[in-house]
C-alpha cells in the first residue's frame, strides 16, 4: 500500500483520504470471482483474471 500512497501524495491526495479508498478497492477486487460468476463469465476466463487480480 505504501507505493500507492506515494502516488496519492504526488497527486496531492491526503493519506487519510486515499487509505480508505485503497481498502475499498482491495475489498472489491477480493470479491472478483463472485462478480464474475454473477455476470456469467466463463469459469476459465474468470480463473485467469482472478490469478492476475489476486496473485
C-alpha atoms as a PDB file:
ATOM      1  CA  UNK A   1       0.000   0.000   0.000  1.00  0.00           C
ATOM      2  CA  UNK A   2       2.955   2.315   0.599  1.00  0.00           C
ATOM      3  CA  UNK A   3       3.631   2.669  -3.124  1.00  0.00           C
ATOM      4  CA  UNK A   4       0.027   3.595  -3.849  1.00  0.00           C
ATOM      5  CA  UNK A   5       0.046   6.136  -1.020  1.00  0.00           C
ATOM      6  CA  UNK A   6       3.145   7.735  -2.558  1.00  0.00           C
ATOM      7  CA  UNK A   7       1.283   8.101  -5.844  1.00  0.00           C
ATOM      8  CA  UNK A   8      -1.669   9.610  -3.989  1.00  0.00           C
ATOM      9  CA  UNK A   9       0.610  12.065  -2.208  1.00  0.00           C
ATOM     10  CA  UNK A  10       2.178  13.096  -5.517  1.00  0.00           C
ATOM     11  CA  UNK A  11      -1.337  13.899  -6.721  1.00  0.00           C
ATOM     12  CA  UNK A  12      -1.990  15.963  -3.577  1.00  0.00           C
ATOM     13  CA  UNK A  13      -4.369  13.385  -2.103  1.00  0.00           C
ATOM     14  CA  UNK A  14      -4.008  13.077   1.661  1.00  0.00           C
ATOM     15  CA  UNK A  15      -3.250   9.669   3.146  1.00  0.00           C
ATOM     16  CA  UNK A  16      -6.398   9.869   5.298  1.00  0.00           C
ATOM     17  CA  UNK A  17      -8.405  10.260   2.083  1.00  0.00           C
ATOM     18  CA  UNK A  18      -6.521   7.712  -0.014  1.00  0.00           C
ATOM     19  CA  UNK A  19      -6.235   4.866   2.506  1.00  0.00           C
ATOM     20  CA  UNK A  20      -9.987   4.125   2.814  1.00  0.00           C
ATOM     21  CA  UNK A  21     -10.377   4.245  -0.971  1.00  0.00           C
ATOM     22  CA  UNK A  22      -7.495   1.809  -1.420  1.00  0.00           C
ATOM     23  CA  UNK A  23      -9.015  -0.511   1.186  1.00  0.00           C
ATOM     24  CA  UNK A  24     -12.382  -0.417  -0.567  1.00  0.00           C
ATOM     25  CA  UNK A  25     -10.831  -1.215  -3.946  1.00  0.00           C
ATOM     26  CA  UNK A  26      -8.879  -4.114  -2.427  1.00  0.00           C
ATOM     27  CA  UNK A  27     -12.081  -5.462  -0.910  1.00  0.00           C
ATOM     28  CA  UNK A  28     -13.911  -5.343  -4.231  1.00  0.00           C
ATOM     29  CA  UNK A  29     -11.014  -6.976  -6.071  1.00  0.00           C
ATOM     30  CA  UNK A  30     -11.055  -9.712  -3.437  1.00  0.00           C
ATOM     31  CA  UNK A  31     -14.657 -10.474  -4.422  1.00  0.00           C
ATOM     32  CA  UNK A  32     -13.810 -10.642  -8.128  1.00  0.00           C
ATOM     33  CA  UNK A  33     -14.858 -14.298  -8.500  1.00  0.00           C
ATOM     34  CA  UNK A  34     -18.315 -13.540  -7.105  1.00  0.00           C
ATOM     35  CA  UNK A  35     -18.866 -10.667  -9.537  1.00  0.00           C
ATOM     36  CA  UNK A  36     -17.569 -12.728 -12.449  1.00  0.00           C
ATOM     37  CA  UNK A  37     -19.911 -15.608 -11.605  1.00  0.00           C
ATOM     38  CA  UNK A  38     -22.886 -13.251 -11.305  1.00  0.00           C
ATOM     39  CA  UNK A  39     -22.014 -11.778 -14.707  1.00  0.00           C
ATOM     40  CA  UNK A  40     -21.852 -15.240 -16.270  1.00  0.00           C
ATOM     41  CA  UNK A  41     -18.183 -15.097 -17.190  1.00  0.00           C
ATOM     42  CA  UNK A  42     -16.777 -18.420 -18.348  1.00  0.00           C
ATOM     43  CA  UNK A  43     -15.011 -20.204 -15.482  1.00  0.00           C
ATOM     44  CA  UNK A  44     -11.734 -20.472 -17.389  1.00  0.00           C
ATOM     45  CA  UNK A  45     -11.644 -16.724 -18.068  1.00  0.00           C
ATOM     46  CA  UNK A  46     -12.743 -15.939 -14.502  1.00  0.00           C
ATOM     47  CA  UNK A  47      -9.909 -18.062 -13.135  1.00  0.00           C
ATOM     48  CA  UNK A  48      -7.381 -16.483 -15.493  1.00  0.00           C
ATOM     49  CA  UNK A  49      -8.340 -12.961 -14.419  1.00  0.00           C
ATOM     50  CA  UNK A  50      -8.549 -13.984 -10.770  1.00  0.00           C
ATOM     51  CA  UNK A  51      -4.879 -15.017 -10.876  1.00  0.00           C
ATOM     52  CA  UNK A  52      -3.977 -11.559 -12.166  1.00  0.00           C
ATOM     53  CA  UNK A  53      -6.153  -9.629  -9.728  1.00  0.00           C
ATOM     54  CA  UNK A  54      -5.484 -11.786  -6.660  1.00  0.00           C
ATOM     55  CA  UNK A  55      -1.967 -13.183  -7.008  1.00  0.00           C
END
